[in-house]
Structure formats: structure tokens, C-alpha cells
Amino acid sequence: MINTLSNLISKYLLKNNTSLTKTDLLKIQYTLQVILGDIIKFIIIFLIFLALNQVPLFLLSFIILISIRPLGGGAHCKTFISCLIVSILYFIIIMLFSNFFPRLNNNFYIAFFAISFIITLAYAPCPNEKRPINNKATLKILSLISLTIWGILFCKLSNIQICNCIFASILFQIAQITIVNTKGVVSNAKIYKHFFSHTS
């Protein structure tokens, strides 16, 4: 469905703009597939958390995710379905952790955020073989700023559920950064192969 919609839109644009090249068309198709895929994933996961009566927690974890992952990078699944499944599991684990994990000693959290800052400083943003990073220094600085803001909020807030959500979200991100830098980049979705095979 995503491929069909993106093809229809790109063909419509090509029909009404003859100046578009084949490469331009492929870039448009790729961008549309990414955007449509993200929208569909969000709607599906939102509906799941709506049924679980956990929408506020989902929205919080989603805000944390989009504020750190685009800056620090991370692993990518090979297909839309696998990405959807991983995303659902990710948010469900965050939800369970947020609701049931007890508050630990403050020294543990201080050590955690200090280590997270060091790992982000050393490794962010993650390398990506399909999407070269041209503004690495800027992304690294923004990653550190984002991490610092969430760390301050964690220390200021007393709500255990919110604090657990922040902690778990950052833990997953730091784990991804570490794994990607030590084990290598996970190949991106199949649409990348189609796009880059025509534009390389």
C-alpha cells in the first residue's frame, strides 16, 4: 500500500512537472515511502495504546524518542513490517518498565546519565551506510543538549512513571548507539536498495 501510494503521488507530480528527472522521481518516491510508513506506524501504535488506555505514556515516550534518535542515530530494520513489530515492542517495553519498575538509588541514576553523556560524546551520531552524515559535529552537540535536558527533567520530576519512561527511553538509545558502533550498521529497508541502485 505504501509503495502504491508513493508511486501514484510521484507519477502525478511527474505529470504536472516535466522538469523532474528520473533521479528526482526516485528521491520523491523514497521520501514519500518514509513519510507514509512513519505515519502508518504512528497510527497503528497509537491505536494500540489507546486500547490499553496508555496514550499519555505513549506520547511521552514518542516525544523522547523523536528528540534523541534523529540526532544520535540508531539501528534500522530491513522491512516496514519488521520495523513496525520492533516499534510496537519498543513502546510496550517502555510502558511496562514505566509502570512497574521501582525507583532506584540516586547514585545509580547519576552514574547512568554520566555514562550516557560519555557514550553520546564518543559515538553519536551513529554511522549509517545508506545515509551519510554530513553534519556530525552539529548532531553530536544537539544530542548532548537533548540528553542534558532530559537528564535535568529526570532529576526535577518526582513522578516515578515519567522518570522511568525517560530512563528507559535513554537506556534504549544509548544501547543502540553502542551496538551500532561496535557491531556495525544494520541494513535499512528494502526501499533503500531500490533507490540507491538507481542513483549511485
Protein backbone atom coordinates (compact mmCIF):
# COMPACT_ATOMS: atom_id res chain seq x y z
CA MET A 1 0.00 0.00 0.00
CA ILE A 2 2.81 2.41 0.87
CA ASN A 3 4.58 1.71 -2.41
CA THR A 4 1.36 2.13 -4.37
CA LEU A 5 0.51 5.47 -2.77
CA SER A 6 4.03 6.84 -3.19
CA ASN A 7 4.11 5.75 -6.84
CA LEU A 8 0.74 7.37 -7.55
CA ILE A 9 1.78 10.65 -5.94
CA SER A 10 5.17 10.74 -7.64
CA LYS A 11 3.62 9.96 -11.03
CA TYR A 12 1.12 12.76 -10.51
CA LEU A 13 3.96 15.16 -9.71
CA LEU A 14 5.89 13.98 -12.77
CA LYS A 15 2.85 14.51 -14.97
CA ASN A 16 2.47 18.08 -13.75
CA ASN A 17 6.17 18.91 -13.68
CA THR A 18 8.10 17.83 -16.74
CA SER A 19 11.36 19.24 -15.37
CA LEU A 20 11.67 16.36 -12.90
CA THR A 21 14.42 13.88 -13.73
CA LYS A 22 14.39 10.14 -13.06
CA THR A 23 16.63 10.69 -10.05
CA ASP A 24 14.28 13.38 -8.73
CA LEU A 25 11.37 10.99 -9.11
CA LEU A 26 13.16 8.23 -7.20
CA LYS A 27 14.04 10.66 -4.41
CA ILE A 28 10.41 11.74 -4.18
CA GLN A 29 9.24 8.12 -4.08
CA TYR A 30 11.74 7.28 -1.36
CA THR A 31 10.79 10.31 0.75
CA LEU A 32 7.09 9.56 0.39
CA GLN A 33 7.59 5.93 1.41
CA VAL A 34 9.45 7.02 4.55
CA ILE A 35 6.84 9.64 5.50
CA LEU A 36 3.84 7.40 4.77
CA GLY A 37 5.47 4.50 6.60
CA ASP A 38 6.10 6.63 9.70
CA ILE A 39 2.54 7.97 9.67
CA ILE A 40 1.04 4.48 9.38
CA LYS A 41 3.29 3.16 12.17
CA PHE A 42 2.32 6.02 14.44
CA ILE A 43 -1.40 5.49 13.85
CA ILE A 44 -1.19 1.73 14.48
CA ILE A 45 0.83 2.12 17.68
CA PHE A 46 -1.38 4.99 18.85
CA LEU A 47 -4.47 2.81 18.44
CA ILE A 48 -2.81 0.00 20.40
CA PHE A 49 -2.03 2.32 23.31
CA LEU A 50 -5.49 3.85 23.07
CA ALA A 51 -6.93 0.38 23.61
CA LEU A 52 -4.56 -0.09 26.56
CA ASN A 53 -5.55 3.30 27.99
CA GLN A 54 -1.90 4.37 27.95
CA VAL A 55 -1.93 7.19 25.38
CA PRO A 56 -0.21 9.85 27.60
CA LEU A 57 2.68 7.49 28.33
CA PHE A 58 2.98 6.58 24.65
CA LEU A 59 3.05 10.24 23.63
CA LEU A 60 5.73 10.98 26.22
CA SER A 61 7.92 8.08 25.09
CA PHE A 62 7.35 9.12 21.47
CA ILE A 63 8.42 12.70 22.20
CA ILE A 64 11.56 11.45 23.95
CA LEU A 65 12.29 9.14 21.01
CA ILE A 66 11.97 11.81 18.32
CA SER A 67 14.05 14.22 20.38
CA ILE A 68 17.05 11.90 20.71
CA ARG A 69 17.04 9.25 17.98
CA PRO A 70 17.18 11.53 14.89
CA LEU A 71 20.15 13.27 16.48
CA GLY A 72 22.04 10.27 17.83
CA GLY A 73 21.04 7.73 15.20
CA GLY A 74 20.34 4.04 15.71
CA ALA A 75 19.74 0.67 14.11
CA HIS A 76 17.31 0.23 11.20
CA CYS A 77 15.14 -2.73 10.30
CA LYS A 78 15.18 -4.23 6.81
CA THR A 79 11.44 -4.08 6.11
CA PHE A 80 8.43 -2.00 7.10
CA ILE A 81 6.78 -4.94 8.87
CA SER A 82 9.87 -5.73 10.93
CA CYS A 83 10.21 -2.05 11.81
CA LEU A 84 6.56 -1.92 12.86
CA ILE A 85 6.93 -5.00 15.06
CA VAL A 86 10.11 -3.68 16.68
CA SER A 87 8.50 -0.29 17.25
CA ILE A 88 5.45 -1.86 18.90
CA LEU A 89 7.67 -3.97 21.15
CA TYR A 90 9.79 -0.93 21.96
CA PHE A 91 6.87 1.15 23.19
CA ILE A 92 5.26 -1.75 25.04
CA ILE A 93 8.52 -2.46 26.89
CA ILE A 94 8.80 1.24 27.75
CA MET A 95 5.22 1.18 29.04
CA LEU A 96 5.77 -1.92 31.20
CA PHE A 97 9.05 -0.56 32.53
CA SER A 98 7.49 2.81 33.32
CA ASN A 99 4.57 1.30 35.20
CA PHE A 100 6.28 -1.43 37.19
CA PHE A 101 9.99 -0.64 37.66
CA PRO A 102 10.81 0.70 41.15
CA ARG A 103 12.81 3.82 41.84
CA LEU A 104 16.49 3.04 42.36
CA ASN A 105 19.24 4.77 44.32
CA ASN A 106 20.07 8.29 43.12
CA ASN A 107 23.75 7.38 42.76
CA PHE A 108 22.78 4.78 40.16
CA TYR A 109 20.99 7.39 38.05
CA ILE A 110 23.86 9.86 38.38
CA ALA A 111 26.26 7.19 37.12
CA PHE A 112 23.85 6.22 34.34
CA PHE A 113 23.48 9.75 32.97
CA ALA A 114 27.22 10.37 33.26
CA ILE A 115 27.98 7.20 31.27
CA SER A 116 25.24 8.07 28.77
CA PHE A 117 26.79 11.51 28.26
CA ILE A 118 30.23 9.98 27.67
CA ILE A 119 28.89 7.40 25.18
CA THR A 120 26.94 10.08 23.32
CA LEU A 121 30.00 12.31 23.23
CA ALA A 122 32.12 9.47 21.88
CA TYR A 123 29.77 7.75 19.44
CA ALA A 124 26.84 9.97 18.42
CA PRO A 125 25.67 10.27 15.76
CA CYS A 126 25.72 6.63 14.66
CA PRO A 127 27.26 5.83 11.26
CA ASN A 128 24.77 4.86 8.57
CA GLU A 129 25.96 3.23 5.36
CA LYS A 130 22.85 4.28 3.45
CA ARG A 131 22.54 7.83 4.75
CA PRO A 132 25.94 9.53 5.08
CA ILE A 133 26.25 12.05 7.92
CA ASN A 134 27.38 15.46 6.72
CA ASN A 135 26.78 17.49 9.90
CA LYS A 136 28.22 15.15 12.51
CA ALA A 137 29.51 17.87 14.85
CA THR A 138 26.14 19.66 14.93
CA LEU A 139 24.22 16.44 15.55
CA LYS A 140 26.63 15.46 18.34
CA ILE A 141 26.12 18.80 20.08
CA LEU A 142 22.33 18.59 19.71
CA SER A 143 22.39 15.00 21.02
CA LEU A 144 24.26 16.13 24.11
CA ILE A 145 21.87 19.05 24.63
CA SER A 146 18.84 16.77 24.29
CA LEU A 147 20.31 14.25 26.72
CA THR A 148 21.13 17.01 29.20
CA ILE A 149 17.59 18.41 29.07
CA TRP A 150 16.02 15.02 29.71
CA GLY A 151 18.54 14.38 32.48
CA ILE A 152 17.59 17.65 34.19
CA LEU A 153 13.88 16.86 33.85
CA PHE A 154 14.51 13.41 35.31
CA CYS A 155 16.17 14.96 38.37
CA LYS A 156 13.48 17.62 38.82
CA LEU A 157 10.42 15.37 38.46
CA SER A 158 9.06 13.18 41.25
CA ASN A 159 6.61 11.11 39.21
CA ILE A 160 8.12 7.61 39.09
CA GLN A 161 6.26 6.64 35.91
CA ILE A 162 7.55 9.65 33.97
CA CYS A 163 11.07 9.24 35.34
CA ASN A 164 11.07 5.55 34.39
CA CYS A 165 9.89 6.47 30.90
CA ILE A 166 12.77 8.93 30.49
CA PHE A 167 15.28 6.48 31.90
CA ALA A 168 14.15 3.52 29.75
CA SER A 169 13.98 5.61 26.58
CA ILE A 170 17.51 6.92 27.04
CA LEU A 171 18.76 3.46 28.00
CA PHE A 172 17.46 2.02 24.73
CA GLN A 173 19.03 4.86 22.75
CA ILE A 174 22.43 4.51 24.42
CA ALA A 175 22.31 0.74 23.87
CA GLN A 176 21.62 1.29 20.16
CA ILE A 177 24.45 3.78 19.79
CA THR A 178 26.84 1.38 21.49
CA ILE A 179 25.75 -1.67 19.49
CA VAL A 180 25.78 0.10 16.13
CA ASN A 181 29.28 1.47 16.73
CA THR A 182 30.67 -1.87 17.90
CA LYS A 183 28.81 -4.28 15.64
CA GLY A 184 28.16 -2.20 12.54
CA VAL A 185 25.12 -0.66 10.92
CA VAL A 186 22.01 -2.75 10.37
CA SER A 187 20.88 -2.55 6.77
CA ASN A 188 17.95 -0.28 6.13
CA ALA A 189 14.66 -1.12 4.49
CA LYS A 190 14.44 -2.69 1.05
CA ILE A 191 13.38 0.62 -0.48
CA TYR A 192 16.91 1.90 0.10
CA LYS A 193 18.31 -0.79 -2.19
CA HIS A 194 15.94 0.23 -4.96
CA PHE A 195 16.65 3.92 -4.52
CA PHE A 196 20.41 3.77 -4.25
CA SER A 197 20.81 1.24 -7.05
CA HIS A 198 19.37 3.87 -9.37
CA THR A 199 21.11 6.91 -8.00
CA SER A 200 24.62 5.67 -7.27
